[in-house]
C-alpha atoms as a PDB file:
ATOM      1  CA  MET A   1      -5.941 -14.113 -20.860  1.00  0.00           C
ATOM      2  CA  PRO A   2      -3.445 -11.411 -18.340  1.00  0.00           C
ATOM      3  CA  PHE A   3      -5.277 -12.049 -15.162  1.00  0.00           C
ATOM      4  CA  ASP A   4      -6.240  -8.228 -14.707  1.00  0.00           C
ATOM      5  CA  ALA A   5      -8.061  -9.013 -17.502  1.00  0.00           C
ATOM      6  CA  ASP A   6     -11.119 -10.004 -15.839  1.00  0.00           C
ATOM      7  CA  ARG A   7     -13.318  -9.460 -13.517  1.00  0.00           C
ATOM      8  CA  THR A   8     -12.549 -12.336 -10.880  1.00  0.00           C
ATOM      9  CA  PRO A   9     -11.489 -11.037  -7.557  1.00  0.00           C
ATOM     10  CA  ARG A  10      -8.120 -10.501  -5.726  1.00  0.00           C
ATOM     11  CA  SER A  11      -6.807 -11.580  -2.240  1.00  0.00           C
ATOM     12  CA  LEU A  12      -3.815  -9.136  -2.121  1.00  0.00           C
ATOM     13  CA  THR A  13      -1.272  -9.188   0.699  1.00  0.00           C
ATOM     14  CA  PHE A  14       1.593  -6.941   1.206  1.00  0.00           C
ATOM     15  CA  SER A  15       4.111  -6.287   3.947  1.00  0.00           C
ATOM     16  CA  CYS A  16       6.113  -3.285   4.684  1.00  0.00           C
ATOM     17  CA  TYR A  17       9.513  -2.924   4.264  1.00  0.00           C
ATOM     18  CA  ARG A  18      11.721  -5.387   6.182  1.00  0.00           C
ATOM     19  CA  ARG A  19       8.338  -6.268   7.456  1.00  0.00           C
ATOM     20  CA  PHE A  20       8.988  -2.760  10.166  1.00  0.00           C
ATOM     21  CA  PRO A  21       6.135  -2.803  12.113  1.00  0.00           C
ATOM     22  CA  PHE A  22       4.678   0.164  10.392  1.00  0.00           C
ATOM     23  CA  LEU A  23       1.248   0.119  10.564  1.00  0.00           C
ATOM     24  CA  ALA A  24       1.445  -0.326  14.592  1.00  0.00           C
ATOM     25  CA  LYS A  25       0.449   3.608  14.846  1.00  0.00           C
ATOM     26  CA  ASP A  26      -2.942   4.825  14.418  1.00  0.00           C
ATOM     27  CA  ARG A  27      -0.802   7.363  12.730  1.00  0.00           C
ATOM     28  CA  THR A  28       0.115   5.552  10.035  1.00  0.00           C
ATOM     29  CA  ARG A  29      -2.495   3.318   9.923  1.00  0.00           C
ATOM     30  CA  ARG A  30      -5.109   6.534   9.428  1.00  0.00           C
ATOM     31  CA  TRP A  31      -2.807   7.013   5.863  1.00  0.00           C
ATOM     32  CA  PHE A  32      -3.094   4.103   4.775  1.00  0.00           C
ATOM     33  CA  VAL A  33      -7.066   4.485   5.110  1.00  0.00           C
ATOM     34  CA  GLU A  34      -6.979   7.414   3.447  1.00  0.00           C
ATOM     35  CA  ALA A  35      -4.761   6.148   0.233  1.00  0.00           C
ATOM     36  CA  LEU A  36      -7.311   3.295   0.022  1.00  0.00           C
ATOM     37  CA  GLU A  37     -10.081   5.439  -0.074  1.00  0.00           C
ATOM     38  CA  GLN A  38      -8.663   7.955  -2.390  1.00  0.00           C
ATOM     39  CA  ALA A  39      -7.487   4.705  -4.899  1.00  0.00           C
ATOM     40  CA  ARG A  40     -11.200   3.159  -4.366  1.00  0.00           C
ATOM     41  CA  GLU A  41     -12.266   6.831  -6.024  1.00  0.00           C
ATOM     42  CA  ARG A  42      -9.761   7.075  -8.649  1.00  0.00           C
ATOM     43  CA  PHE A  43      -9.942   3.486 -10.244  1.00  0.00           C
ATOM     44  CA  PRO A  44     -12.719   0.556 -11.198  1.00  0.00           C
ATOM     45  CA  VAL A  45     -11.510  -1.711  -8.393  1.00  0.00           C
ATOM     46  CA  ASP A  46     -13.942  -2.731  -5.558  1.00  0.00           C
ATOM     47  CA  LEU A  47     -13.104  -3.295  -1.913  1.00  0.00           C
ATOM     48  CA  TRP A  48     -14.842  -5.744  -0.053  1.00  0.00           C
ATOM     49  CA  ALA A  49     -12.537  -6.773   2.983  1.00  0.00           C
ATOM     50  CA  TRP A  50      -9.127  -5.668   4.423  1.00  0.00           C
ATOM     51  CA  VAL A  51      -6.939  -6.323   7.394  1.00  0.00           C
ATOM     52  CA  LEU A  52      -4.442  -3.876   8.489  1.00  0.00           C
ATOM     53  CA  MET A  53      -2.012  -5.628  10.952  1.00  0.00           C
ATOM     54  CA  PRO A  54       1.183  -4.227  12.191  1.00  0.00           C
ATOM     55  CA  GLU A  55       4.088  -5.326   9.463  1.00  0.00           C
ATOM     56  CA  HIS A  56       1.705  -6.773   6.653  1.00  0.00           C
ATOM     57  CA  VAL A  57      -2.270  -6.139   4.962  1.00  0.00           C
ATOM     58  CA  HIS A  58      -4.689  -8.330   3.507  1.00  0.00           C
ATOM     59  CA  LEU A  59      -7.479  -6.817   0.468  1.00  0.00           C
ATOM     60  CA  LEU A  60     -10.120  -8.673  -0.669  1.00  0.00           C
ATOM     61  CA  VAL A  61     -10.826  -6.380  -3.966  1.00  0.00           C
ATOM     62  CA  CYS A  62     -12.920  -6.768  -7.449  1.00  0.00           C
ATOM     63  CA  PRO A  63     -12.150  -5.295 -10.550  1.00  0.00           C
ATOM     64  CA  ARG A  64     -15.308  -3.021 -11.654  1.00  0.00           C
ATOM     65  CA  GLU A  65     -14.705  -3.408 -15.126  1.00  0.00           C
ATOM     66  CA  THR A  66     -12.495  -5.999 -17.405  1.00  0.00           C
ATOM     67  CA  GLY A  67      -8.867  -5.240 -17.357  1.00  0.00           C
ATOM     68  CA  ALA A  68      -8.640  -2.838 -14.607  1.00  0.00           C
ATOM     69  CA  ILE A  69      -5.235  -2.832 -13.463  1.00  0.00           C
ATOM     70  CA  ILE A  70      -5.024  -4.689 -10.005  1.00  0.00           C
ATOM     71  CA  GLY A  71      -1.670  -3.684  -9.815  1.00  0.00           C
ATOM     72  CA  LYS A  72      -1.756   0.370 -10.527  1.00  0.00           C
ATOM     73  CA  PHE A  73      -4.513   0.318  -7.804  1.00  0.00           C
ATOM     74  CA  GLN A  74      -2.136  -1.385  -5.041  1.00  0.00           C
ATOM     75  CA  GLY A  75       0.825   0.273  -6.583  1.00  0.00           C
ATOM     76  CA  PHE A  76      -0.983   3.765  -5.733  1.00  0.00           C
ATOM     77  CA  VAL A  77      -1.933   2.920  -2.407  1.00  0.00           C
ATOM     78  CA  LYS A  78       1.372   1.911  -1.226  1.00  0.00           C
ATOM     79  CA  GLU A  79       3.003   4.826  -2.974  1.00  0.00           C
ATOM     80  CA  ARG A  80       0.973   7.522  -1.324  1.00  0.00           C
ATOM     81  CA  VAL A  81       1.458   6.192   2.506  1.00  0.00           C
ATOM     82  CA  ALA A  82       4.960   5.536   1.377  1.00  0.00           C
ATOM     83  CA  ARG A  83       5.619   9.218   0.762  1.00  0.00           C
ATOM     84  CA  GLN A  84       3.529  10.153   4.055  1.00  0.00           C
ATOM     85  CA  ALA A  85       5.665   8.177   6.078  1.00  0.00           C
ATOM     86  CA  ILE A  86       9.370   9.569   4.653  1.00  0.00           C
ATOM     87  CA  GLY A  87       7.867  13.393   4.912  1.00  0.00           C
ATOM     88  CA  TRP A  88       6.358  12.449   8.222  1.00  0.00           C
ATOM     89  CA  LEU A  89      10.110  10.858   8.886  1.00  0.00           C
ATOM     90  CA  ALA A  90      11.952  13.488   7.556  1.00  0.00           C
ATOM     91  CA  GLY A  91      10.623  16.299  10.489  1.00  0.00           C
ATOM     92  CA  ASN A  92      10.316  14.049  13.510  1.00  0.00           C
ATOM     93  CA  ALA A  93      12.915  10.897  13.001  1.00  0.00           C
ATOM     94  CA  PRO A  94      15.526  11.495  10.725  1.00  0.00           C
ATOM     95  CA  ASP A  95      17.483   8.282  12.208  1.00  0.00           C
ATOM     96  CA  TRP A  96      14.693   6.490  10.337  1.00  0.00           C
ATOM     97  CA  ILE A  97      15.872   7.644   6.851  1.00  0.00           C
ATOM     98  CA  PRO A  98      19.216   5.661   6.137  1.00  0.00           C
ATOM     99  CA  ARG A  99      17.038   2.848   7.775  1.00  0.00           C
ATOM    100  CA  ILE A 100      14.761   2.391   5.007  1.00  0.00           C
ATOM    101  CA  THR A 101      17.094   3.796   2.118  1.00  0.00           C
ATOM    102  CA  VAL A 102      18.372   1.782  -0.833  1.00  0.00           C
ATOM    103  CA  VAL A 103      21.416   2.579  -2.413  1.00  0.00           C
ATOM    104  CA  GLU A 104      22.235   1.606  -5.936  1.00  0.00           C
ATOM    105  CA  GLY A 105      20.607  -1.684  -5.921  1.00  0.00           C
ATOM    106  CA  LYS A 106      21.476  -2.332  -1.749  1.00  0.00           C
ATOM    107  CA  GLN A 107      19.596  -1.793   1.040  1.00  0.00           C
ATOM    108  CA  SER A 108      21.394   0.515   3.962  1.00  0.00           C
END
């Protein structure tokens, strides 16, 4: 049985790129919370608890339906925040873009 097939609570932990403290600012934490709210509306997943640290995140989630794919929930949140962050950096701190860009499978 695939792990996502049951309705078991899951603990998720993930880090910011290169463990940069991107979540140290209110702005980026707000983006994360907004993305988390959107994911809760879009996916059949209950959010039981969450903690934001400057360079990583802890989530405790539980699928409401058998077969809910937690990876898609997590990917949705991470992609939403990343897109907002890249857009903000491009307009306000473009010197950061090369530091967070991976080209042809190699970190810059």
